[in-house]
Amino acid sequence: GVARSAIPNMTAFSGQQPALEKPGHVVAVNTLNLHPVLGKLALLHCHRAVFPLGFGGADASDDWSLADWCDQCHRKKGLVVWADPFRFENGIAPEALADLIAGRIDAVECTPDNRRVKDWYHAWSAGIRFPLVGASGKESNRTALGAMRTYAKLNAVEPLTQLQANWIEAVRAGRTFVTNGPLLHFDVNQNPPGSIIDKNSPAKSVWIRARVESAVPFGSLELLANGNSLIRIASADTAPPFKATVEFEQLIDGPCWLAARCVGTDTFAHTSPVFVRLDGKMPADAAALQGYFDLLGGTLEWIETTGRFEMQRRKEQLRAVIEQARQSLRTRMT
């Protein structure tokens, strides 16, 4: 392919204000901020743009960090989404992983061509909490805008006059599912996705409910615990709407995450997880934790050997972000 430079049209930025709207619908324009190694962030709902839009690369220094972007975005009441996530190249984790571990990143992106379910499952099994959001990042108009969507459940008392802000806060809370069509409903003990349910030993059970409705055949409705299938239900319908419902009691014998998904030939939908914390402990898969620890070690090596810093203070700040995340992982391993 041919490398192309994108020139941002900053006059289109609308932040917390709609660029287009009609009753019940809002279009807002925000920014995609990126570093070629440390990662990409979609910064949504900021009242002002977060600068610089990019740093690093062949002819620029690395004297910035994604943590700076995250903190600026949150000060501006915005939402931080890890775009093009979980790409680990040459044994290096993007700084975005460290910011996800530290809670600076609010959600992780899912696109039509980038549904990294195994990466989500590894992270959730390591006790790293994040909701999913759909996005339609694309190289051409062959991919339809809105091909992957985010549904976020608003509280019944929230006014539609604040639709955009309330939707952002519902995403931040994790009450989401992503889909290219099927409508997916899921709760655990009547708690929506994004929740943490606390249980104490001895082992207890939880009540899981899920429902899917789709205009086209959706494959099967599947419920997961720590990435393992608990049950799979196929639709018995021969004409739309295609649907399935499952409701059952599940014994919990350790910390876990629970979620629902639909995966068919042309369909995909996935909820954000519900976590069950047992005796105060979150899931802590040892292999996943060690893998992230080692990858962030590769990031430290990149900082020391490859990163180009004109200000020692900035280098130390970036190193501290990575070390903080590694310390968090080390604590979870014990």
C-alpha atoms as a PDB file:
ATOM      1  CA  GLY A   1       0.000   0.000   0.000  1.00  0.00           C
ATOM      2  CA  VAL A   2       0.912   3.651  -0.260  1.00  0.00           C
ATOM      3  CA  ALA A   3       1.418   5.659   2.916  1.00  0.00           C
ATOM      4  CA  ARG A   4      -1.002   8.555   3.197  1.00  0.00           C
ATOM      5  CA  SER A   5      -0.972  11.512   5.539  1.00  0.00           C
ATOM      6  CA  ALA A   6      -4.260  12.560   7.097  1.00  0.00           C
ATOM      7  CA  ILE A   7      -4.783  16.265   7.624  1.00  0.00           C
ATOM      8  CA  PRO A   8      -7.226  16.827  10.482  1.00  0.00           C
ATOM      9  CA  ASN A   9     -10.061  19.239   9.883  1.00  0.00           C
ATOM     10  CA  MET A  10     -10.117  20.858  13.306  1.00  0.00           C
ATOM     11  CA  THR A  11     -12.859  23.305  12.307  1.00  0.00           C
ATOM     12  CA  ALA A  12     -15.222  20.303  12.351  1.00  0.00           C
ATOM     13  CA  PHE A  13     -14.488  19.565  16.057  1.00  0.00           C
ATOM     14  CA  SER A  14     -17.682  19.856  18.108  1.00  0.00           C
ATOM     15  CA  GLY A  15     -16.725  18.126  21.388  1.00  0.00           C
ATOM     16  CA  GLN A  16     -19.676  18.098  23.753  1.00  0.00           C
ATOM     17  CA  GLN A  17     -21.847  20.022  21.301  1.00  0.00           C
ATOM     18  CA  PRO A  18     -23.667  18.312  18.445  1.00  0.00           C
ATOM     19  CA  ALA A  19     -22.368  18.839  14.939  1.00  0.00           C
ATOM     20  CA  LEU A  20     -25.713  17.496  13.683  1.00  0.00           C
ATOM     21  CA  GLU A  21     -28.845  16.579  15.609  1.00  0.00           C
ATOM     22  CA  LYS A  22     -32.508  15.805  15.467  1.00  0.00           C
ATOM     23  CA  PRO A  23     -34.813  14.509  18.225  1.00  0.00           C
ATOM     24  CA  GLY A  24     -33.133  11.489  19.839  1.00  0.00           C
ATOM     25  CA  HIS A  25     -30.083  11.662  17.551  1.00  0.00           C
ATOM     26  CA  VAL A  26     -26.747  13.441  17.959  1.00  0.00           C
ATOM     27  CA  VAL A  27     -23.583  13.514  15.852  1.00  0.00           C
ATOM     28  CA  ALA A  28     -20.475  14.881  17.601  1.00  0.00           C
ATOM     29  CA  VAL A  29     -16.978  15.243  16.134  1.00  0.00           C
ATOM     30  CA  ASN A  30     -13.986  14.559  18.390  1.00  0.00           C
ATOM     31  CA  THR A  31     -10.341  13.496  17.945  1.00  0.00           C
ATOM     32  CA  LEU A  32      -8.154  10.437  17.353  1.00  0.00           C
ATOM     33  CA  ASN A  33      -4.768  10.985  19.014  1.00  0.00           C
ATOM     34  CA  LEU A  34      -1.898   8.658  18.165  1.00  0.00           C
ATOM     35  CA  HIS A  35       1.709   7.638  18.628  1.00  0.00           C
ATOM     36  CA  PRO A  36       3.166   5.036  16.213  1.00  0.00           C
ATOM     37  CA  VAL A  37       4.391   2.759  19.046  1.00  0.00           C
ATOM     38  CA  LEU A  38       2.635   3.819  22.260  1.00  0.00           C
ATOM     39  CA  GLY A  39      -0.890   3.551  20.860  1.00  0.00           C
ATOM     40  CA  LYS A  40      -4.029   5.302  19.624  1.00  0.00           C
ATOM     41  CA  LEU A  41      -6.764   6.913  21.703  1.00  0.00           C
ATOM     42  CA  ALA A  42     -10.189   8.127  20.641  1.00  0.00           C
ATOM     43  CA  LEU A  43     -11.002  11.046  22.949  1.00  0.00           C
ATOM     44  CA  LEU A  44     -14.749  11.626  23.087  1.00  0.00           C
ATOM     45  CA  HIS A  45     -16.986  14.303  24.588  1.00  0.00           C
ATOM     46  CA  CYS A  46     -14.226  16.762  25.556  1.00  0.00           C
ATOM     47  CA  HIS A  47     -15.367  20.372  25.778  1.00  0.00           C
ATOM     48  CA  ARG A  48     -12.133  21.309  23.987  1.00  0.00           C
ATOM     49  CA  ALA A  49      -9.788  19.337  21.753  1.00  0.00           C
ATOM     50  CA  VAL A  50      -6.863  17.594  23.444  1.00  0.00           C
ATOM     51  CA  PHE A  51      -3.523  18.515  21.870  1.00  0.00           C
ATOM     52  CA  PRO A  52      -1.124  17.490  20.454  1.00  0.00           C
ATOM     53  CA  LEU A  53      -3.058  15.189  18.132  1.00  0.00           C
ATOM     54  CA  GLY A  54       0.091  13.120  17.661  1.00  0.00           C
ATOM     55  CA  PHE A  55       3.724  12.840  18.662  1.00  0.00           C
ATOM     56  CA  GLY A  56       6.694  10.609  17.943  1.00  0.00           C
ATOM     57  CA  GLY A  57       7.681   9.114  14.634  1.00  0.00           C
ATOM     58  CA  ALA A  58      10.675   9.447  12.362  1.00  0.00           C
ATOM     59  CA  ASP A  59      11.078  13.214  12.645  1.00  0.00           C
ATOM     60  CA  ALA A  60       9.637  14.032  16.075  1.00  0.00           C
ATOM     61  CA  SER A  61      10.503  13.473  19.729  1.00  0.00           C
ATOM     62  CA  ASP A  62       8.650  11.178  22.115  1.00  0.00           C
ATOM     63  CA  ASP A  63       8.366  13.868  24.805  1.00  0.00           C
ATOM     64  CA  TRP A  64       4.726  13.197  25.648  1.00  0.00           C
ATOM     65  CA  SER A  65       2.599  10.293  26.827  1.00  0.00           C
ATOM     66  CA  LEU A  66      -0.833   8.786  26.356  1.00  0.00           C
ATOM     67  CA  ALA A  67      -1.325   9.270  30.102  1.00  0.00           C
ATOM     68  CA  ASP A  68      -1.146  13.032  29.467  1.00  0.00           C
ATOM     69  CA  TRP A  69      -3.900  12.703  26.888  1.00  0.00           C
ATOM     70  CA  CYS A  70      -6.032  10.569  29.240  1.00  0.00           C
ATOM     71  CA  ASP A  71      -5.689  13.052  32.096  1.00  0.00           C
ATOM     72  CA  GLN A  72      -6.476  16.032  29.851  1.00  0.00           C
ATOM     73  CA  CYS A  73      -9.509  14.244  28.423  1.00  0.00           C
ATOM     74  CA  HIS A  74     -10.875  13.448  31.872  1.00  0.00           C
ATOM     75  CA  ARG A  75     -10.328  17.022  33.069  1.00  0.00           C
ATOM     76  CA  LYS A  76     -12.421  18.082  30.073  1.00  0.00           C
ATOM     77  CA  LYS A  77     -15.178  15.607  31.136  1.00  0.00           C
ATOM     78  CA  GLY A  78     -14.358  13.290  28.239  1.00  0.00           C
ATOM     79  CA  LEU A  79     -14.228   9.537  27.613  1.00  0.00           C
ATOM     80  CA  VAL A  80     -10.995   7.746  26.659  1.00  0.00           C
ATOM     81  CA  VAL A  81     -11.252   4.802  24.248  1.00  0.00           C
ATOM     82  CA  TRP A  82      -8.308   2.585  23.263  1.00  0.00           C
ATOM     83  CA  ALA A  83      -8.476   2.456  19.465  1.00  0.00           C
ATOM     84  CA  ASP A  84      -6.877  -0.399  17.488  1.00  0.00           C
ATOM     85  CA  PRO A  85      -6.180  -2.159  20.812  1.00  0.00           C
ATOM     86  CA  PHE A  86      -4.019  -5.091  21.935  1.00  0.00           C
ATOM     87  CA  ARG A  87      -1.429  -4.897  19.165  1.00  0.00           C
ATOM     88  CA  PHE A  88       1.821  -6.188  20.637  1.00  0.00           C
ATOM     89  CA  GLU A  89       4.658  -6.008  18.123  1.00  0.00           C
ATOM     90  CA  ASN A  90       8.294  -7.016  18.646  1.00  0.00           C
ATOM     91  CA  GLY A  91       7.625  -7.908  22.292  1.00  0.00           C
ATOM     92  CA  ILE A  92       6.530  -4.343  23.117  1.00  0.00           C
ATOM     93  CA  ALA A  93       3.225  -3.367  24.688  1.00  0.00           C
ATOM     94  CA  PRO A  94       1.848   0.041  23.743  1.00  0.00           C
ATOM     95  CA  GLU A  95       1.694   2.439  26.657  1.00  0.00           C
ATOM     96  CA  ALA A  96      -2.090   2.190  26.242  1.00  0.00           C
ATOM     97  CA  LEU A  97      -1.959  -1.202  28.001  1.00  0.00           C
ATOM     98  CA  ALA A  98      -0.388   0.429  31.054  1.00  0.00           C
ATOM     99  CA  ASP A  99      -3.055   3.145  31.017  1.00  0.00           C
ATOM    100  CA  LEU A 100      -5.796   0.505  30.747  1.00  0.00           C
ATOM    101  CA  ILE A 101      -4.369  -1.334  33.771  1.00  0.00           C
ATOM    102  CA  ALA A 102      -4.203   1.943  35.708  1.00  0.00           C
ATOM    103  CA  GLY A 103      -7.827   2.822  34.877  1.00  0.00           C
ATOM    104  CA  ARG A 104      -6.973   5.851  32.746  1.00  0.00           C
ATOM    105  CA  ILE A 105      -8.643   4.292  29.689  1.00  0.00           C
ATOM    106  CA  ASP A 106     -12.419   4.012  29.984  1.00  0.00           C
ATOM    107  CA  ALA A 107     -13.287   1.578  27.162  1.00  0.00           C
ATOM    108  CA  VAL A 108     -11.824  -0.610  24.417  1.00  0.00           C
ATOM    109  CA  GLU A 109     -12.806  -0.366  20.761  1.00  0.00           C
ATOM    110  CA  CYS A 110     -14.301  -3.121  18.610  1.00  0.00           C
ATOM    111  CA  THR A 111     -14.500  -2.552  14.845  1.00  0.00           C
ATOM    112  CA  PRO A 112     -15.934  -4.686  12.014  1.00  0.00           C
ATOM    113  CA  ASP A 113     -12.419  -5.839  11.115  1.00  0.00           C
ATOM    114  CA  ASN A 114     -10.864  -5.877  14.597  1.00  0.00           C
ATOM    115  CA  ARG A 115     -12.866  -8.075  16.966  1.00  0.00           C
ATOM    116  CA  ARG A 116     -10.047  -9.205  19.255  1.00  0.00           C
ATOM    117  CA  VAL A 117     -12.178 -11.391  21.517  1.00  0.00           C
ATOM    118  CA  LYS A 118      -9.292 -13.530  22.805  1.00  0.00           C
ATOM    119  CA  ASP A 119      -7.437 -10.380  23.851  1.00  0.00           C
ATOM    120  CA  TRP A 120     -10.500  -9.097  25.704  1.00  0.00           C
ATOM    121  CA  TYR A 121     -10.852 -12.440  27.473  1.00  0.00           C
ATOM    122  CA  HIS A 122      -7.202 -12.540  28.539  1.00  0.00           C
ATOM    123  CA  ALA A 123      -7.418  -9.035  29.970  1.00  0.00           C
ATOM    124  CA  TRP A 124     -10.707  -9.641  31.796  1.00  0.00           C
ATOM    125  CA  SER A 125      -9.321 -12.909  33.180  1.00  0.00           C
ATOM    126  CA  ALA A 126      -6.395 -10.890  34.535  1.00  0.00           C
ATOM    127  CA  GLY A 127      -8.926  -8.730  36.410  1.00  0.00           C
ATOM    128  CA  ILE A 128      -8.537  -5.740  34.085  1.00  0.00           C
ATOM    129  CA  ARG A 129     -11.988  -4.163  33.810  1.00  0.00           C
ATOM    130  CA  PHE A 130     -13.177  -2.296  30.733  1.00  0.00           C
ATOM    131  CA  PRO A 131     -16.344  -2.062  28.651  1.00  0.00           C
ATOM    132  CA  LEU A 132     -16.563  -2.580  24.909  1.00  0.00           C
ATOM    133  CA  VAL A 133     -17.526   0.121  22.436  1.00  0.00           C
ATOM    134  CA  GLY A 134     -18.237  -0.323  18.751  1.00  0.00           C
ATOM    135  CA  ALA A 135     -16.534   1.825  16.147  1.00  0.00           C
ATOM    136  CA  SER A 136     -16.402   2.046  12.381  1.00  0.00           C
ATOM    137  CA  GLY A 137     -12.776   2.965  11.804  1.00  0.00           C
ATOM    138  CA  LYS A 138     -12.175   2.185   8.160  1.00  0.00           C
ATOM    139  CA  GLU A 139      -9.806   2.604   5.228  1.00  0.00           C
ATOM    140  CA  SER A 140     -12.507   3.201   2.614  1.00  0.00           C
ATOM    141  CA  ASN A 141     -16.241   3.523   2.055  1.00  0.00           C
ATOM    142  CA  ARG A 142     -16.446  -0.220   1.447  1.00  0.00           C
ATOM    143  CA  THR A 143     -17.133  -0.387   5.196  1.00  0.00           C
ATOM    144  CA  ALA A 144     -20.450   1.208   6.118  1.00  0.00           C
ATOM    145  CA  LEU A 145     -20.451   3.909   8.784  1.00  0.00           C
ATOM    146  CA  GLY A 146     -22.108   2.366  11.827  1.00  0.00           C
ATOM    147  CA  ALA A 147     -21.306  -1.208  10.770  1.00  0.00           C
ATOM    148  CA  MET A 148     -20.335  -1.824  14.415  1.00  0.00           C
ATOM    149  CA  ARG A 149     -22.460  -0.001  16.939  1.00  0.00           C
ATOM    150  CA  THR A 150     -22.497   0.579  20.698  1.00  0.00           C
ATOM    151  CA  TYR A 151     -25.701   0.266  22.685  1.00  0.00           C
ATOM    152  CA  ALA A 152     -25.475   1.818  26.143  1.00  0.00           C
ATOM    153  CA  LYS A 153     -28.275   1.461  28.691  1.00  0.00           C
ATOM    154  CA  LEU A 154     -29.387   4.760  30.213  1.00  0.00           C
ATOM    155  CA  ASN A 155     -30.946   4.974  33.645  1.00  0.00           C
ATOM    156  CA  ALA A 156     -34.693   5.468  33.470  1.00  0.00           C
ATOM    157  CA  VAL A 157     -34.507   8.793  35.332  1.00  0.00           C
ATOM    158  CA  GLU A 158     -31.974  10.370  32.937  1.00  0.00           C
ATOM    159  CA  PRO A 159     -33.504  13.092  30.742  1.00  0.00           C
ATOM    160  CA  LEU A 160     -33.231  12.742  26.967  1.00  0.00           C
ATOM    161  CA  THR A 161     -32.342  16.425  26.850  1.00  0.00           C
ATOM    162  CA  GLN A 162     -28.864  15.354  28.047  1.00  0.00           C
ATOM    163  CA  LEU A 163     -28.731  12.360  25.720  1.00  0.00           C
ATOM    164  CA  GLN A 164     -25.105  12.749  24.652  1.00  0.00           C
ATOM    165  CA  ALA A 165     -23.683  13.241  28.161  1.00  0.00           C
ATOM    166  CA  ASN A 166     -25.820  10.457  29.633  1.00  0.00           C
ATOM    167  CA  TRP A 167     -24.782   8.054  26.868  1.00  0.00           C
ATOM    168  CA  ILE A 168     -21.119   8.816  27.562  1.00  0.00           C
ATOM    169  CA  GLU A 169     -21.585   8.125  31.287  1.00  0.00           C
ATOM    170  CA  ALA A 170     -23.440   4.864  30.552  1.00  0.00           C
ATOM    171  CA  VAL A 171     -20.462   3.754  28.450  1.00  0.00           C
ATOM    172  CA  ARG A 172     -18.048   4.767  31.214  1.00  0.00           C
ATOM    173  CA  ALA A 173     -20.078   2.631  33.657  1.00  0.00           C
ATOM    174  CA  GLY A 174     -19.836  -0.325  31.261  1.00  0.00           C
ATOM    175  CA  ARG A 175     -23.557  -0.788  30.526  1.00  0.00           C
ATOM    176  CA  THR A 176     -22.850  -1.643  26.881  1.00  0.00           C
ATOM    177  CA  PHE A 177     -22.933  -4.208  24.146  1.00  0.00           C
ATOM    178  CA  VAL A 178     -21.414  -3.958  20.672  1.00  0.00           C
ATOM    179  CA  THR A 179     -23.168  -5.324  17.616  1.00  0.00           C
ATOM    180  CA  ASN A 180     -23.411  -5.325  13.848  1.00  0.00           C
ATOM    181  CA  GLY A 181     -27.110  -6.125  14.103  1.00  0.00           C
ATOM    182  CA  PRO A 182     -28.413  -8.448  16.872  1.00  0.00           C
ATOM    183  CA  LEU A 183     -29.855  -6.791  19.977  1.00  0.00           C
ATOM    184  CA  LEU A 184     -28.385  -8.467  23.047  1.00  0.00           C
ATOM    185  CA  HIS A 185     -29.710  -8.232  26.615  1.00  0.00           C
ATOM    186  CA  PHE A 186     -27.782  -9.661  29.577  1.00  0.00           C
ATOM    187  CA  ASP A 187     -27.791  -9.434  33.359  1.00  0.00           C
ATOM    188  CA  VAL A 188     -26.474 -11.344  36.380  1.00  0.00           C
ATOM    189  CA  ASN A 189     -28.625 -11.217  39.514  1.00  0.00           C
ATOM    190  CA  GLN A 190     -30.398  -8.350  37.697  1.00  0.00           C
ATOM    191  CA  ASN A 191     -27.111  -6.429  37.482  1.00  0.00           C
ATOM    192  CA  PRO A 192     -26.270  -5.055  34.016  1.00  0.00           C
ATOM    193  CA  PRO A 193     -22.931  -5.316  32.191  1.00  0.00           C
ATOM    194  CA  GLY A 194     -20.254  -3.228  33.887  1.00  0.00           C
ATOM    195  CA  SER A 195     -21.286  -4.339  37.363  1.00  0.00           C
ATOM    196  CA  ILE A 196     -19.194  -5.983  40.085  1.00  0.00           C
ATOM    197  CA  ILE A 197     -21.023  -8.537  42.243  1.00  0.00           C
ATOM    198  CA  ASP A 198     -19.428  -9.342  45.597  1.00  0.00           C
ATOM    199  CA  LYS A 199     -19.683 -12.859  46.999  1.00  0.00           C
ATOM    200  CA  ASN A 200     -18.107 -14.539  50.017  1.00  0.00           C
ATOM    201  CA  SER A 201     -17.049 -18.158  50.514  1.00  0.00           C
ATOM    202  CA  PRO A 202     -18.384 -20.790  50.613  1.00  0.00           C
ATOM    203  CA  ALA A 203     -19.219 -20.844  46.912  1.00  0.00           C
ATOM    204  CA  LYS A 204     -22.477 -19.188  45.886  1.00  0.00           C
ATOM    205  CA  SER A 205     -24.587 -19.236  42.757  1.00  0.00           C
ATOM    206  CA  VAL A 206     -25.770 -16.398  40.531  1.00  0.00           C
ATOM    207  CA  TRP A 207     -28.789 -16.113  38.272  1.00  0.00           C
ATOM    208  CA  ILE A 208     -27.920 -15.327  34.656  1.00  0.00           C
ATOM    209  CA  ARG A 209     -30.361 -14.097  32.009  1.00  0.00           C
ATOM    210  CA  ALA A 210     -29.752 -13.334  28.340  1.00  0.00           C
ATOM    211  CA  ARG A 211     -31.921 -12.596  25.327  1.00  0.00           C
ATOM    212  CA  VAL A 212     -31.175 -11.860  21.682  1.00  0.00           C
ATOM    213  CA  GLU A 213     -33.408 -10.527  18.920  1.00  0.00           C
ATOM    214  CA  SER A 214     -32.236 -10.117  15.338  1.00  0.00           C
ATOM    215  CA  ALA A 215     -33.628  -9.254  11.915  1.00  0.00           C
ATOM    216  CA  VAL A 216     -31.326 -11.882  10.369  1.00  0.00           C
ATOM    217  CA  PRO A 217     -30.150 -15.313  11.614  1.00  0.00           C
ATOM    218  CA  PHE A 218     -27.638 -14.663  14.402  1.00  0.00           C
ATOM    219  CA  GLY A 219     -25.873 -18.013  14.748  1.00  0.00           C
ATOM    220  CA  SER A 220     -26.180 -18.796  18.464  1.00  0.00           C
ATOM    221  CA  LEU A 221     -26.525 -17.054  21.805  1.00  0.00           C
ATOM    222  CA  GLU A 222     -23.640 -18.062  24.052  1.00  0.00           C
ATOM    223  CA  LEU A 223     -22.918 -17.350  27.710  1.00  0.00           C
ATOM    224  CA  LEU A 224     -19.321 -17.226  28.906  1.00  0.00           C
ATOM    225  CA  ALA A 225     -17.468 -17.478  32.208  1.00  0.00           C
ATOM    226  CA  ASN A 226     -13.766 -16.545  32.082  1.00  0.00           C
ATOM    227  CA  GLY A 227     -13.908 -17.159  28.322  1.00  0.00           C
ATOM    228  CA  ASN A 228     -15.337 -20.671  28.658  1.00  0.00           C
ATOM    229  CA  SER A 229     -18.741 -21.459  27.215  1.00  0.00           C
ATOM    230  CA  LEU A 230     -21.436 -22.145  29.824  1.00  0.00           C
ATOM    231  CA  ILE A 231     -24.294 -22.677  27.388  1.00  0.00           C
ATOM    232  CA  ARG A 232     -25.051 -22.128  23.697  1.00  0.00           C
ATOM    233  CA  ILE A 233     -28.603 -21.653  22.379  1.00  0.00           C
ATOM    234  CA  ALA A 234     -29.544 -21.461  18.686  1.00  0.00           C
ATOM    235  CA  SER A 235     -32.670 -19.781  17.402  1.00  0.00           C
ATOM    236  CA  ALA A 236     -35.539 -22.078  16.447  1.00  0.00           C
ATOM    237  CA  ASP A 237     -37.237 -19.363  14.398  1.00  0.00           C
ATOM    238  CA  THR A 238     -37.563 -19.809  10.628  1.00  0.00           C
ATOM    239  CA  ALA A 239     -38.524 -16.200   9.892  1.00  0.00           C
ATOM    240  CA  PRO A 240     -37.603 -12.839  11.426  1.00  0.00           C
ATOM    241  CA  PRO A 241     -37.423 -11.711  14.108  1.00  0.00           C
ATOM    242  CA  PHE A 242     -34.925 -14.418  15.072  1.00  0.00           C
ATOM    243  CA  LYS A 243     -34.624 -14.720  18.837  1.00  0.00           C
ATOM    244  CA  ALA A 244     -33.456 -16.842  21.738  1.00  0.00           C
ATOM    245  CA  THR A 245     -33.690 -16.595  25.518  1.00  0.00           C
ATOM    246  CA  VAL A 246     -31.776 -18.339  28.285  1.00  0.00           C
ATOM    247  CA  GLU A 247     -32.101 -18.089  32.043  1.00  0.00           C
ATOM    248  CA  PHE A 248     -30.303 -20.337  34.531  1.00  0.00           C
ATOM    249  CA  GLU A 249     -28.477 -20.569  37.849  1.00  0.00           C
ATOM    250  CA  GLN A 250     -24.683 -20.871  37.791  1.00  0.00           C
ATOM    251  CA  LEU A 251     -22.477 -21.987  40.675  1.00  0.00           C
ATOM    252  CA  ILE A 252     -19.565 -19.615  41.340  1.00  0.00           C
ATOM    253  CA  ASP A 253     -16.500 -21.274  42.865  1.00  0.00           C
ATOM    254  CA  GLY A 254     -13.954 -18.523  42.221  1.00  0.00           C
ATOM    255  CA  PRO A 255     -13.546 -14.946  40.991  1.00  0.00           C
ATOM    256  CA  CYS A 256     -14.780 -14.660  37.416  1.00  0.00           C
ATOM    257  CA  TRP A 257     -16.228 -12.539  34.667  1.00  0.00           C
ATOM    258  CA  LEU A 258     -19.460 -13.350  32.833  1.00  0.00           C
ATOM    259  CA  ALA A 259     -20.669 -12.119  29.443  1.00  0.00           C
ATOM    260  CA  ALA A 260     -22.956 -12.976  26.530  1.00  0.00           C
ATOM    261  CA  ARG A 261     -22.163 -13.058  22.831  1.00  0.00           C
ATOM    262  CA  CYS A 262     -23.624 -13.946  19.434  1.00  0.00           C
ATOM    263  CA  VAL A 263     -21.309 -15.098  16.662  1.00  0.00           C
ATOM    264  CA  GLY A 264     -22.773 -16.134  13.318  1.00  0.00           C
ATOM    265  CA  THR A 265     -21.624 -16.253   9.716  1.00  0.00           C
ATOM    266  CA  ASP A 266     -22.313 -12.546   9.191  1.00  0.00           C
ATOM    267  CA  THR A 267     -23.386 -11.457  12.663  1.00  0.00           C
ATOM    268  CA  PHE A 268     -21.560 -10.437  15.809  1.00  0.00           C
ATOM    269  CA  ALA A 269     -22.668  -9.049  19.153  1.00  0.00           C
ATOM    270  CA  HIS A 270     -20.936  -9.060  22.540  1.00  0.00           C
ATOM    271  CA  THR A 271     -21.770  -7.581  25.927  1.00  0.00           C
ATOM    272  CA  SER A 272     -19.347  -5.968  28.296  1.00  0.00           C
ATOM    273  CA  PRO A 273     -18.662  -8.241  31.282  1.00  0.00           C
ATOM    274  CA  VAL A 274     -20.107  -8.563  34.750  1.00  0.00           C
ATOM    275  CA  PHE A 275     -17.388  -9.385  37.291  1.00  0.00           C
ATOM    276  CA  VAL A 276     -17.940 -11.599  40.322  1.00  0.00           C
ATOM    277  CA  ARG A 277     -15.517 -10.718  43.125  1.00  0.00           C
ATOM    278  CA  LEU A 278     -15.138 -13.601  45.589  1.00  0.00           C
ATOM    279  CA  ASP A 279     -13.835 -12.834  49.075  1.00  0.00           C
ATOM    280  CA  GLY A 280     -12.657  -9.467  47.778  1.00  0.00           C
ATOM    281  CA  LYS A 281     -10.586 -11.017  44.963  1.00  0.00           C
ATOM    282  CA  MET A 282     -10.934 -10.355  41.249  1.00  0.00           C
ATOM    283  CA  PRO A 283      -9.925 -12.836  38.512  1.00  0.00           C
ATOM    284  CA  ALA A 284      -6.122 -13.071  38.300  1.00  0.00           C
ATOM    285  CA  ASP A 285      -5.067 -15.486  35.553  1.00  0.00           C
ATOM    286  CA  ALA A 286      -1.355 -16.037  36.186  1.00  0.00           C
ATOM    287  CA  ALA A 287      -0.346 -16.585  32.545  1.00  0.00           C
ATOM    288  CA  ALA A 288      -2.132 -13.428  31.362  1.00  0.00           C
ATOM    289  CA  LEU A 289      -0.637 -11.324  34.163  1.00  0.00           C
ATOM    290  CA  GLN A 290       2.884 -12.609  33.470  1.00  0.00           C
ATOM    291  CA  GLY A 291       2.450 -12.011  29.745  1.00  0.00           C
ATOM    292  CA  TYR A 292       1.459  -8.379  30.263  1.00  0.00           C
ATOM    293  CA  PHE A 293       4.281  -7.915  32.783  1.00  0.00           C
ATOM    294  CA  ASP A 294       6.831  -9.133  30.239  1.00  0.00           C
ATOM    295  CA  LEU A 295       5.377  -7.056  27.390  1.00  0.00           C
ATOM    296  CA  LEU A 296       5.581  -3.903  29.515  1.00  0.00           C
ATOM    297  CA  GLY A 297       9.175  -4.850  30.234  1.00  0.00           C
ATOM    298  CA  GLY A 298       9.677  -4.613  26.479  1.00  0.00           C
ATOM    299  CA  THR A 299       8.147  -1.132  26.599  1.00  0.00           C
ATOM    300  CA  LEU A 300      10.681  -0.069  29.233  1.00  0.00           C
ATOM    301  CA  GLU A 301      13.454  -1.346  26.970  1.00  0.00           C
ATOM    302  CA  TRP A 302      12.016   0.670  24.064  1.00  0.00           C
ATOM    303  CA  ILE A 303      12.025   3.793  26.245  1.00  0.00           C
ATOM    304  CA  GLU A 304      15.684   3.252  27.102  1.00  0.00           C
ATOM    305  CA  THR A 305      17.014   2.200  23.712  1.00  0.00           C
ATOM    306  CA  THR A 306      14.747   3.577  20.985  1.00  0.00           C
ATOM    307  CA  GLY A 307      12.562   6.388  22.311  1.00  0.00           C
ATOM    308  CA  ARG A 308      13.823   9.862  21.420  1.00  0.00           C
ATOM    309  CA  PHE A 309      13.506  12.237  24.350  1.00  0.00           C
ATOM    310  CA  GLU A 310      14.694  15.816  24.428  1.00  0.00           C
ATOM    311  CA  MET A 311      13.494  16.290  28.005  1.00  0.00           C
ATOM    312  CA  GLN A 312      14.714  13.827  30.662  1.00  0.00           C
ATOM    313  CA  ARG A 313      11.699  14.702  32.807  1.00  0.00           C
ATOM    314  CA  ARG A 314       9.335  13.423  30.120  1.00  0.00           C
ATOM    315  CA  LYS A 315      11.290  10.189  29.784  1.00  0.00           C
ATOM    316  CA  GLU A 316      11.108   9.624  33.543  1.00  0.00           C
ATOM    317  CA  GLN A 317       7.364  10.336  33.547  1.00  0.00           C
ATOM    318  CA  LEU A 318       6.716   7.783  30.806  1.00  0.00           C
ATOM    319  CA  ARG A 319       8.900   5.204  32.540  1.00  0.00           C
ATOM    320  CA  ALA A 320       6.929   5.794  35.760  1.00  0.00           C
ATOM    321  CA  VAL A 321       3.631   5.100  33.953  1.00  0.00           C
ATOM    322  CA  ILE A 322       4.941   1.727  32.774  1.00  0.00           C
ATOM    323  CA  GLU A 323       6.499   0.857  36.155  1.00  0.00           C
ATOM    324  CA  GLN A 324       3.239   1.698  37.933  1.00  0.00           C
ATOM    325  CA  ALA A 325       1.342  -0.744  35.705  1.00  0.00           C
ATOM    326  CA  ARG A 326       3.958  -3.475  36.210  1.00  0.00           C
ATOM    327  CA  GLN A 327       3.742  -3.015  39.972  1.00  0.00           C
ATOM    328  CA  SER A 328      -0.046  -3.377  39.784  1.00  0.00           C
ATOM    329  CA  LEU A 329       0.367  -6.619  37.829  1.00  0.00           C
ATOM    330  CA  ARG A 330       2.995  -7.882  40.296  1.00  0.00           C
ATOM    331  CA  THR A 331       0.586  -7.250  43.171  1.00  0.00           C
ATOM    332  CA  ARG A 332      -2.168  -9.212  41.436  1.00  0.00           C
ATOM    333  CA  MET A 333       0.170 -12.167  40.878  1.00  0.00           C
ATOM    334  CA  THR A 334       0.700 -12.674  44.609  1.00  0.00           C
END
